[in-house]
């Protein structure tokens, strides 16, 4: 997480977060903290909020009869948490998410598990259509408390260059 302090007046300071395009280097790895322990309530709310009717996520009796023997965390919830956990490190200064690819769910995640994740910068290039931005691609890997990989995906974002973010324009 990149955290800076900006002086906004005499004896007055404001935290700023995120990386500009210039701050990314291919090969750098950002460990996103804190981790997040997932509860069954989190899982049920997300599942039902998104209208996912598969009982593996909210019906304990149904899940007991499955190969997992208990409810599993809804996979879009895992992805959403990993994206959220990575925002201050990789997309706080994003203009737009351009896409996700190669999403793989490699191990089940259960209520009570603690998810942590990290992102590696895979590629960066200047935008051809937006001189105030660049395109950054990262791979984000999510792990449970036993350091078992539970999910991985690539994410590509349009990131503001220094002096060109919304934050810069509105004085944040």
N, C-alpha and C. Protein backbone atom coordinates (compact mmCIF):
# COMPACT_ATOMS: atom_id res chain seq x y z
N UNK A 1 0.85 -1.16 0.00
CA UNK A 1 0.00 0.00 0.00
C UNK A 1 0.90 1.22 0.00
N UNK A 2 0.64 2.12 -0.91
CA UNK A 2 1.38 3.37 -0.93
C UNK A 2 0.55 4.38 -0.16
N UNK A 3 1.12 4.89 0.89
CA UNK A 3 0.42 5.87 1.69
C UNK A 3 1.33 7.08 1.84
N UNK A 4 0.83 8.21 1.41
CA UNK A 4 1.57 9.44 1.52
C UNK A 4 0.76 10.42 2.33
N UNK A 5 1.41 11.44 2.77
CA UNK A 5 0.74 12.51 3.47
C UNK A 5 0.97 13.78 2.66
N UNK A 6 -0.12 14.48 2.41
CA UNK A 6 -0.07 15.71 1.63
C UNK A 6 -0.44 16.86 2.54
N UNK A 7 0.37 17.90 2.54
CA UNK A 7 0.03 19.08 3.34
C UNK A 7 -1.02 19.88 2.58
N UNK A 8 -2.13 20.16 3.25
CA UNK A 8 -3.24 20.87 2.60
C UNK A 8 -3.47 22.25 3.20
N UNK A 9 -2.66 22.60 4.17
CA UNK A 9 -2.75 23.91 4.81
C UNK A 9 -1.75 23.98 5.94
N UNK A 10 -1.66 25.14 6.57
CA UNK A 10 -0.74 25.25 7.71
C UNK A 10 -1.12 24.26 8.82
N UNK A 11 -0.17 23.43 9.22
CA UNK A 11 -0.39 22.42 10.27
C UNK A 11 -1.56 21.49 9.97
N UNK A 12 -1.83 21.23 8.68
CA UNK A 12 -2.96 20.38 8.29
C UNK A 12 -2.48 19.42 7.19
N UNK A 13 -2.80 18.11 7.39
CA UNK A 13 -2.32 17.07 6.48
C UNK A 13 -3.44 16.11 6.13
N UNK A 14 -3.34 15.49 4.98
CA UNK A 14 -4.33 14.53 4.53
C UNK A 14 -3.60 13.29 4.00
N UNK A 15 -4.11 12.10 4.36
CA UNK A 15 -3.56 10.85 3.81
C UNK A 15 -3.94 10.74 2.34
N UNK A 16 -3.04 10.20 1.55
CA UNK A 16 -3.36 9.86 0.17
C UNK A 16 -2.92 8.42 -0.05
N UNK A 17 -3.63 7.72 -0.91
CA UNK A 17 -3.37 6.31 -1.13
C UNK A 17 -3.21 6.02 -2.62
N UNK A 18 -2.58 4.93 -2.91
CA UNK A 18 -2.52 4.43 -4.27
C UNK A 18 -1.24 4.75 -5.00
N UNK A 19 -1.14 4.14 -6.17
CA UNK A 19 0.03 4.31 -7.02
C UNK A 19 -0.39 4.94 -8.35
N UNK A 20 0.42 5.87 -8.79
CA UNK A 20 0.28 6.39 -10.15
C UNK A 20 0.95 5.41 -11.10
N UNK A 21 0.66 5.55 -12.38
CA UNK A 21 1.24 4.68 -13.40
C UNK A 21 2.77 4.60 -13.25
N UNK A 22 3.41 5.74 -13.00
CA UNK A 22 4.87 5.78 -12.91
C UNK A 22 5.42 4.95 -11.75
N UNK A 23 4.60 4.66 -10.76
CA UNK A 23 5.04 3.95 -9.55
C UNK A 23 5.08 2.44 -9.72
N UNK A 24 4.52 1.92 -10.80
CA UNK A 24 4.48 0.47 -11.03
C UNK A 24 5.75 0.02 -11.73
N UNK A 25 6.28 -1.12 -11.30
CA UNK A 25 7.44 -1.74 -11.95
C UNK A 25 7.13 -3.21 -12.18
N UNK A 26 7.33 -3.67 -13.41
CA UNK A 26 7.10 -5.08 -13.72
C UNK A 26 7.96 -5.94 -12.79
N UNK A 27 7.32 -6.95 -12.20
CA UNK A 27 8.00 -7.85 -11.27
C UNK A 27 7.79 -7.51 -9.81
N UNK A 28 7.36 -6.28 -9.51
CA UNK A 28 7.09 -5.93 -8.12
C UNK A 28 5.89 -6.73 -7.61
N UNK A 29 5.94 -7.11 -6.33
CA UNK A 29 4.85 -7.83 -5.68
C UNK A 29 4.38 -7.02 -4.49
N UNK A 30 3.07 -6.81 -4.41
CA UNK A 30 2.47 -6.07 -3.30
C UNK A 30 1.67 -7.04 -2.45
N UNK A 31 2.00 -7.14 -1.17
CA UNK A 31 1.24 -7.97 -0.23
C UNK A 31 0.13 -7.11 0.35
N UNK A 32 -1.12 -7.51 0.12
CA UNK A 32 -2.27 -6.73 0.55
C UNK A 32 -2.68 -7.13 1.96
N UNK A 33 -2.65 -6.20 2.85
CA UNK A 33 -3.04 -6.45 4.23
C UNK A 33 -3.97 -5.34 4.69
N UNK A 34 -4.86 -5.57 5.64
CA UNK A 34 -4.97 -6.79 6.42
C UNK A 34 -5.68 -7.89 5.65
N UNK A 35 -5.59 -9.11 6.20
CA UNK A 35 -6.35 -10.22 5.67
C UNK A 35 -7.80 -10.07 6.09
N UNK A 36 -8.63 -11.03 5.67
CA UNK A 36 -10.06 -10.97 6.00
C UNK A 36 -10.55 -12.36 6.32
N UNK A 37 -11.01 -12.55 7.57
CA UNK A 37 -11.64 -13.80 7.96
C UNK A 37 -13.09 -13.75 7.50
N UNK A 38 -13.48 -14.76 6.76
CA UNK A 38 -14.81 -14.81 6.15
C UNK A 38 -15.76 -15.54 7.08
N UNK A 39 -16.93 -14.97 7.28
CA UNK A 39 -17.96 -15.62 8.10
C UNK A 39 -19.02 -16.23 7.18
N UNK A 40 -19.79 -17.14 7.73
CA UNK A 40 -20.88 -17.71 6.96
C UNK A 40 -21.95 -16.66 6.67
N UNK A 41 -22.11 -15.69 7.57
CA UNK A 41 -23.05 -14.60 7.31
C UNK A 41 -22.61 -13.80 6.09
N UNK A 42 -21.30 -13.47 5.99
CA UNK A 42 -20.79 -12.79 4.79
C UNK A 42 -21.16 -13.58 3.54
N UNK A 43 -20.88 -14.88 3.59
CA UNK A 43 -21.11 -15.76 2.45
C UNK A 43 -22.59 -15.81 2.06
N UNK A 44 -23.45 -15.98 3.04
CA UNK A 44 -24.89 -16.06 2.76
C UNK A 44 -25.39 -14.73 2.21
N UNK A 45 -25.02 -13.62 2.82
CA UNK A 45 -25.49 -12.31 2.34
C UNK A 45 -25.06 -12.07 0.89
N UNK A 46 -23.78 -12.32 0.59
CA UNK A 46 -23.30 -12.11 -0.77
C UNK A 46 -24.04 -13.01 -1.75
N UNK A 47 -24.18 -14.28 -1.38
CA UNK A 47 -24.83 -15.25 -2.25
C UNK A 47 -26.26 -14.84 -2.55
N UNK A 48 -27.02 -14.50 -1.53
CA UNK A 48 -28.42 -14.15 -1.73
C UNK A 48 -28.58 -12.77 -2.36
N UNK A 49 -27.69 -11.83 -2.01
CA UNK A 49 -27.73 -10.49 -2.62
C UNK A 49 -27.55 -10.58 -4.13
N UNK A 50 -26.71 -11.50 -4.58
CA UNK A 50 -26.45 -11.64 -6.01
C UNK A 50 -27.39 -12.66 -6.68
N UNK A 51 -28.37 -13.13 -5.94
CA UNK A 51 -29.40 -14.05 -6.44
C UNK A 51 -28.85 -15.40 -6.88
N UNK A 52 -27.77 -15.81 -6.26
CA UNK A 52 -27.19 -17.13 -6.52
C UNK A 52 -27.99 -18.14 -5.70
N UNK A 53 -28.65 -19.03 -6.36
CA UNK A 53 -29.53 -19.96 -5.65
C UNK A 53 -28.90 -21.32 -5.38
N UNK A 54 -27.60 -21.45 -5.60
CA UNK A 54 -26.99 -22.76 -5.35
C UNK A 54 -26.87 -22.99 -3.84
N UNK A 55 -27.47 -24.08 -3.34
CA UNK A 55 -27.50 -24.32 -1.90
C UNK A 55 -26.14 -24.64 -1.28
N UNK A 56 -25.10 -24.88 -2.06
CA UNK A 56 -23.76 -25.16 -1.49
C UNK A 56 -23.24 -23.99 -0.66
N UNK A 57 -23.84 -22.81 -0.85
CA UNK A 57 -23.34 -21.62 -0.17
C UNK A 57 -24.15 -21.23 1.06
N UNK A 58 -25.35 -21.78 1.22
CA UNK A 58 -26.19 -21.34 2.34
C UNK A 58 -27.04 -22.41 3.00
N UNK A 59 -26.98 -23.64 2.52
CA UNK A 59 -27.79 -24.72 3.10
C UNK A 59 -26.84 -25.78 3.66
N UNK A 60 -26.63 -25.73 4.98
CA UNK A 60 -25.68 -26.63 5.65
C UNK A 60 -26.04 -28.10 5.44
N UNK A 61 -27.31 -28.43 5.49
CA UNK A 61 -27.72 -29.83 5.33
C UNK A 61 -27.41 -30.33 3.93
N UNK A 62 -27.69 -29.52 2.94
CA UNK A 62 -27.36 -29.88 1.56
C UNK A 62 -25.85 -30.06 1.42
N UNK A 63 -25.10 -29.10 1.93
CA UNK A 63 -23.64 -29.10 1.79
C UNK A 63 -23.00 -30.30 2.50
N UNK A 64 -23.60 -30.76 3.61
CA UNK A 64 -23.07 -31.92 4.33
C UNK A 64 -22.98 -33.16 3.42
N UNK A 65 -23.91 -33.27 2.47
CA UNK A 65 -23.96 -34.43 1.58
C UNK A 65 -23.00 -34.28 0.39
N UNK A 66 -22.36 -33.13 0.27
CA UNK A 66 -21.45 -32.91 -0.86
C UNK A 66 -20.06 -33.46 -0.56
N UNK A 67 -19.18 -33.44 -1.54
CA UNK A 67 -17.80 -33.88 -1.34
C UNK A 67 -17.04 -32.99 -0.37
N UNK A 68 -17.53 -31.76 -0.15
CA UNK A 68 -16.85 -30.83 0.76
C UNK A 68 -17.31 -31.02 2.21
N UNK A 69 -18.51 -31.55 2.40
CA UNK A 69 -19.02 -31.83 3.73
C UNK A 69 -19.52 -30.60 4.48
N UNK A 70 -19.45 -29.46 3.87
CA UNK A 70 -19.93 -28.21 4.48
C UNK A 70 -20.05 -27.15 3.38
N UNK A 71 -20.65 -26.03 3.73
CA UNK A 71 -20.81 -24.94 2.76
C UNK A 71 -19.45 -24.41 2.32
N UNK A 72 -19.39 -24.02 1.06
CA UNK A 72 -18.19 -23.37 0.54
C UNK A 72 -18.51 -21.90 0.26
N UNK A 73 -17.48 -21.08 0.29
CA UNK A 73 -17.65 -19.66 0.02
C UNK A 73 -17.94 -19.48 -1.48
N UNK A 74 -18.90 -18.65 -1.76
CA UNK A 74 -19.30 -18.35 -3.14
C UNK A 74 -18.10 -17.74 -3.88
N UNK A 75 -17.72 -18.33 -5.01
CA UNK A 75 -16.50 -17.91 -5.70
C UNK A 75 -16.49 -16.45 -6.15
N UNK A 76 -17.61 -15.86 -6.61
CA UNK A 76 -17.54 -14.43 -6.94
C UNK A 76 -17.26 -13.56 -5.71
N UNK A 77 -17.64 -14.04 -4.53
CA UNK A 77 -17.33 -13.31 -3.30
C UNK A 77 -15.83 -13.32 -3.06
N UNK A 78 -15.20 -14.46 -3.29
CA UNK A 78 -13.75 -14.56 -3.14
C UNK A 78 -13.06 -13.56 -4.07
N UNK A 79 -13.47 -13.54 -5.33
CA UNK A 79 -12.87 -12.61 -6.30
C UNK A 79 -13.11 -11.17 -5.86
N UNK A 80 -14.34 -10.86 -5.45
CA UNK A 80 -14.66 -9.49 -5.04
C UNK A 80 -13.82 -9.05 -3.84
N UNK A 81 -13.65 -9.95 -2.87
CA UNK A 81 -12.81 -9.62 -1.71
C UNK A 81 -11.37 -9.36 -2.13
N UNK A 82 -10.85 -10.19 -3.01
CA UNK A 82 -9.47 -10.02 -3.45
C UNK A 82 -9.29 -8.70 -4.21
N UNK A 83 -10.26 -8.35 -5.03
CA UNK A 83 -10.19 -7.06 -5.72
C UNK A 83 -10.21 -5.93 -4.69
N UNK A 84 -11.15 -6.00 -3.75
CA UNK A 84 -11.23 -4.96 -2.73
C UNK A 84 -9.97 -4.84 -1.90
N UNK A 85 -9.39 -5.98 -1.54
CA UNK A 85 -8.17 -5.97 -0.72
C UNK A 85 -7.00 -5.34 -1.47
N UNK A 86 -7.04 -5.38 -2.80
CA UNK A 86 -5.92 -4.89 -3.60
C UNK A 86 -6.05 -3.42 -4.02
N UNK A 87 -7.19 -2.80 -3.76
CA UNK A 87 -7.44 -1.45 -4.27
C UNK A 87 -6.36 -0.45 -3.86
N UNK A 88 -6.04 -0.35 -2.58
CA UNK A 88 -5.09 0.69 -2.18
C UNK A 88 -3.72 0.48 -2.79
N UNK A 89 -3.37 -0.74 -3.13
CA UNK A 89 -2.06 -1.00 -3.74
C UNK A 89 -2.06 -0.88 -5.25
N UNK A 90 -3.13 -1.31 -5.93
CA UNK A 90 -3.04 -1.38 -7.39
C UNK A 90 -4.06 -0.54 -8.16
N UNK A 91 -5.19 -0.18 -7.56
CA UNK A 91 -6.18 0.53 -8.39
C UNK A 91 -6.78 1.77 -7.75
N UNK A 92 -6.22 2.26 -6.68
CA UNK A 92 -6.73 3.47 -6.03
C UNK A 92 -6.73 4.65 -7.02
N UNK A 93 -5.76 4.68 -7.92
CA UNK A 93 -5.67 5.77 -8.90
C UNK A 93 -6.16 5.34 -10.29
N UNK A 94 -6.92 4.24 -10.34
CA UNK A 94 -7.41 3.75 -11.63
C UNK A 94 -8.50 4.68 -12.18
N UNK A 95 -8.47 4.83 -13.48
CA UNK A 95 -9.54 5.52 -14.20
C UNK A 95 -10.63 4.50 -14.50
N UNK A 96 -10.21 3.28 -14.83
CA UNK A 96 -11.17 2.22 -15.16
C UNK A 96 -10.51 0.85 -15.04
N UNK A 97 -11.30 -0.14 -14.67
CA UNK A 97 -10.89 -1.53 -14.82
C UNK A 97 -11.16 -1.90 -16.27
N UNK A 98 -10.19 -2.52 -16.91
CA UNK A 98 -10.35 -2.89 -18.31
C UNK A 98 -10.72 -4.35 -18.48
N UNK A 99 -10.48 -5.17 -17.45
CA UNK A 99 -10.90 -6.56 -17.54
C UNK A 99 -10.16 -7.48 -16.60
N UNK A 100 -10.76 -8.63 -16.41
CA UNK A 100 -10.18 -9.72 -15.63
C UNK A 100 -10.03 -10.90 -16.57
N UNK A 101 -8.99 -11.68 -16.38
CA UNK A 101 -8.82 -12.88 -17.20
C UNK A 101 -8.17 -13.97 -16.37
N UNK A 102 -8.22 -15.18 -16.89
CA UNK A 102 -7.56 -16.33 -16.28
C UNK A 102 -7.94 -16.51 -14.81
N UNK A 103 -9.22 -16.33 -14.49
CA UNK A 103 -9.69 -16.56 -13.11
C UNK A 103 -9.68 -18.06 -12.86
N UNK A 104 -8.97 -18.47 -11.82
CA UNK A 104 -8.91 -19.88 -11.45
C UNK A 104 -9.20 -20.00 -9.97
N UNK A 105 -10.06 -20.95 -9.64
CA UNK A 105 -10.41 -21.26 -8.25
C UNK A 105 -9.76 -22.59 -7.94
N UNK A 106 -8.67 -22.55 -7.20
CA UNK A 106 -7.80 -23.72 -7.07
C UNK A 106 -7.99 -24.54 -5.80
N UNK A 107 -8.72 -24.00 -4.83
CA UNK A 107 -8.95 -24.72 -3.57
C UNK A 107 -10.18 -24.09 -2.92
N UNK A 108 -11.05 -24.89 -2.32
CA UNK A 108 -12.24 -24.30 -1.70
C UNK A 108 -11.89 -23.39 -0.53
N UNK A 109 -12.71 -22.39 -0.36
CA UNK A 109 -12.61 -21.47 0.76
C UNK A 109 -13.86 -21.66 1.60
N UNK A 110 -13.68 -21.71 2.91
CA UNK A 110 -14.79 -21.98 3.83
C UNK A 110 -14.98 -20.84 4.81
N UNK A 111 -16.17 -20.73 5.36
CA UNK A 111 -16.40 -19.79 6.46
C UNK A 111 -15.41 -20.12 7.57
N UNK A 112 -14.81 -19.09 8.13
CA UNK A 112 -13.79 -19.27 9.15
C UNK A 112 -12.38 -19.18 8.59
N UNK A 113 -12.22 -19.32 7.28
CA UNK A 113 -10.91 -19.16 6.66
C UNK A 113 -10.54 -17.68 6.60
N UNK A 114 -9.25 -17.42 6.68
CA UNK A 114 -8.75 -16.06 6.54
C UNK A 114 -8.06 -15.93 5.19
N UNK A 115 -8.57 -15.01 4.40
CA UNK A 115 -8.06 -14.77 3.06
C UNK A 115 -7.02 -13.65 3.09
N UNK A 116 -5.87 -13.88 2.47
CA UNK A 116 -4.88 -12.83 2.21
C UNK A 116 -4.58 -12.90 0.72
N UNK A 117 -4.05 -11.82 0.19
CA UNK A 117 -3.69 -11.88 -1.23
C UNK A 117 -2.53 -10.95 -1.53
N UNK A 118 -1.97 -11.16 -2.70
CA UNK A 118 -0.85 -10.36 -3.17
C UNK A 118 -0.96 -10.24 -4.67
N UNK A 119 -0.40 -9.14 -5.20
CA UNK A 119 -0.44 -8.90 -6.63
C UNK A 119 0.96 -8.67 -7.17
N UNK A 120 1.23 -9.28 -8.32
CA UNK A 120 2.50 -9.06 -9.01
C UNK A 120 2.22 -8.28 -10.29
N UNK A 121 3.03 -7.25 -10.54
CA UNK A 121 2.89 -6.46 -11.76
C UNK A 121 3.46 -7.28 -12.91
N UNK A 122 2.59 -7.61 -13.88
CA UNK A 122 2.99 -8.42 -15.03
C UNK A 122 3.41 -7.58 -16.22
N UNK A 123 2.74 -6.44 -16.39
CA UNK A 123 2.99 -5.64 -17.59
C UNK A 123 2.53 -4.21 -17.33
N UNK A 124 3.17 -3.28 -18.01
CA UNK A 124 2.71 -1.90 -18.02
C UNK A 124 3.12 -1.27 -19.34
N UNK A 125 2.24 -0.41 -19.84
CA UNK A 125 2.56 0.31 -21.06
C UNK A 125 1.77 1.62 -21.07
N UNK A 126 2.29 2.58 -21.79
CA UNK A 126 1.58 3.84 -21.91
C UNK A 126 0.33 3.64 -22.75
N UNK A 127 -0.71 4.38 -22.42
CA UNK A 127 -1.94 4.32 -23.20
C UNK A 127 -1.73 5.05 -24.52
N UNK A 128 -2.21 4.45 -25.61
CA UNK A 128 -2.10 5.09 -26.93
C UNK A 128 -3.16 6.18 -27.11
N UNK A 129 -4.29 6.03 -26.42
CA UNK A 129 -5.39 6.97 -26.61
C UNK A 129 -5.51 8.01 -25.49
N UNK A 130 -4.84 7.77 -24.37
CA UNK A 130 -4.94 8.70 -23.23
C UNK A 130 -3.54 9.05 -22.74
N UNK A 131 -3.03 10.22 -23.09
CA UNK A 131 -1.68 10.58 -22.68
C UNK A 131 -1.51 10.74 -21.17
N UNK A 132 -2.59 10.93 -20.44
CA UNK A 132 -2.51 11.09 -18.99
C UNK A 132 -2.65 9.79 -18.22
N UNK A 133 -2.49 8.65 -18.94
CA UNK A 133 -2.70 7.36 -18.28
C UNK A 133 -1.83 6.28 -18.91
N UNK A 134 -1.74 5.18 -18.19
CA UNK A 134 -1.06 3.99 -18.69
C UNK A 134 -1.88 2.76 -18.34
N UNK A 135 -1.53 1.65 -18.94
CA UNK A 135 -2.24 0.39 -18.72
C UNK A 135 -1.33 -0.53 -17.93
N UNK A 136 -1.87 -1.04 -16.82
CA UNK A 136 -1.12 -1.91 -15.92
C UNK A 136 -1.88 -3.22 -15.78
N UNK A 137 -1.16 -4.34 -15.87
CA UNK A 137 -1.75 -5.66 -15.66
C UNK A 137 -1.05 -6.31 -14.48
N UNK A 138 -1.85 -6.83 -13.55
CA UNK A 138 -1.33 -7.54 -12.39
C UNK A 138 -1.95 -8.92 -12.32
N UNK A 139 -1.26 -9.84 -11.67
CA UNK A 139 -1.83 -11.14 -11.30
C UNK A 139 -2.03 -11.09 -9.80
N UNK A 140 -3.24 -11.38 -9.35
CA UNK A 140 -3.53 -11.39 -7.93
C UNK A 140 -3.79 -12.83 -7.49
N UNK A 141 -3.07 -13.25 -6.46
CA UNK A 141 -3.20 -14.59 -5.89
C UNK A 141 -3.77 -14.48 -4.49
N UNK A 142 -4.77 -15.31 -4.19
CA UNK A 142 -5.39 -15.34 -2.87
C UNK A 142 -5.07 -16.64 -2.16
N UNK A 143 -4.79 -16.53 -0.87
CA UNK A 143 -4.39 -17.68 -0.06
C UNK A 143 -5.25 -17.77 1.20
N UNK A 144 -5.46 -19.01 1.65
CA UNK A 144 -6.09 -19.18 2.96
C UNK A 144 -5.02 -19.11 4.05
N UNK A 145 -5.41 -19.31 5.28
CA UNK A 145 -4.50 -19.18 6.42
C UNK A 145 -3.38 -20.22 6.42
N UNK A 146 -3.55 -21.29 5.66
CA UNK A 146 -2.51 -22.32 5.54
C UNK A 146 -1.61 -22.08 4.33
N UNK A 147 -1.78 -20.93 3.72
CA UNK A 147 -1.00 -20.51 2.54
C UNK A 147 -1.30 -21.38 1.32
N UNK A 148 -2.51 -21.97 1.29
CA UNK A 148 -2.96 -22.70 0.11
C UNK A 148 -3.57 -21.70 -0.86
N UNK A 149 -3.15 -21.76 -2.11
CA UNK A 149 -3.70 -20.88 -3.13
C UNK A 149 -5.16 -21.25 -3.35
N UNK A 150 -6.06 -20.28 -3.19
CA UNK A 150 -7.49 -20.54 -3.36
C UNK A 150 -8.05 -19.91 -4.62
N UNK A 151 -7.39 -18.86 -5.11
CA UNK A 151 -7.89 -18.16 -6.29
C UNK A 151 -6.77 -17.35 -6.91
N UNK A 152 -6.79 -17.23 -8.22
CA UNK A 152 -5.83 -16.39 -8.92
C UNK A 152 -6.52 -15.79 -10.14
N UNK A 153 -6.14 -14.56 -10.48
CA UNK A 153 -6.68 -13.92 -11.69
C UNK A 153 -5.74 -12.81 -12.14
N UNK A 154 -5.87 -12.45 -13.41
CA UNK A 154 -5.17 -11.30 -13.95
C UNK A 154 -6.17 -10.16 -14.07
N UNK A 155 -5.70 -8.96 -13.82
CA UNK A 155 -6.55 -7.78 -13.88
C UNK A 155 -5.80 -6.68 -14.61
N UNK A 156 -6.47 -6.03 -15.55
CA UNK A 156 -5.87 -4.95 -16.32
C UNK A 156 -6.65 -3.67 -16.04
N UNK A 157 -5.89 -2.60 -15.76
CA UNK A 157 -6.49 -1.33 -15.37
C UNK A 157 -5.86 -0.17 -16.13
N UNK A 158 -6.65 0.86 -16.35
CA UNK A 158 -6.15 2.13 -16.88
C UNK A 158 -5.84 2.99 -15.66
N UNK A 159 -4.55 3.31 -15.48
CA UNK A 159 -4.09 4.01 -14.28
C UNK A 159 -3.63 5.42 -14.64
N UNK A 160 -4.06 6.38 -13.85
CA UNK A 160 -3.67 7.77 -14.09
C UNK A 160 -2.17 7.97 -13.89
N UNK A 161 -1.62 8.83 -14.72
CA UNK A 161 -0.25 9.28 -14.52
C UNK A 161 -0.28 10.38 -13.45
N UNK A 162 0.84 10.61 -12.84
CA UNK A 162 0.97 11.66 -11.83
C UNK A 162 0.50 12.99 -12.42
N UNK A 163 -0.37 13.67 -11.66
CA UNK A 163 -0.89 14.96 -12.12
C UNK A 163 -2.15 14.86 -12.96
N UNK A 164 -2.63 13.62 -13.22
CA UNK A 164 -3.79 13.43 -14.11
C UNK A 164 -4.94 12.66 -13.47
N UNK A 165 -4.90 12.43 -12.17
CA UNK A 165 -5.99 11.67 -11.53
C UNK A 165 -7.12 12.60 -11.12
N UNK A 166 -8.27 12.02 -10.86
CA UNK A 166 -9.39 12.79 -10.31
C UNK A 166 -8.94 13.47 -9.03
N UNK A 167 -8.20 12.73 -8.23
CA UNK A 167 -7.67 13.26 -6.97
C UNK A 167 -6.89 14.55 -7.21
N UNK A 168 -6.08 14.56 -8.26
CA UNK A 168 -5.29 15.76 -8.59
C UNK A 168 -6.18 16.91 -9.03
N UNK A 169 -7.27 16.60 -9.77
CA UNK A 169 -8.14 17.65 -10.30
C UNK A 169 -9.02 18.27 -9.24
N UNK A 170 -9.46 17.51 -8.26
CA UNK A 170 -10.39 18.07 -7.27
C UNK A 170 -9.69 18.44 -5.96
N UNK A 171 -8.40 18.25 -5.90
CA UNK A 171 -7.65 18.70 -4.73
C UNK A 171 -7.68 17.76 -3.55
N UNK A 172 -7.91 16.49 -3.78
CA UNK A 172 -7.91 15.53 -2.67
C UNK A 172 -6.52 15.23 -2.20
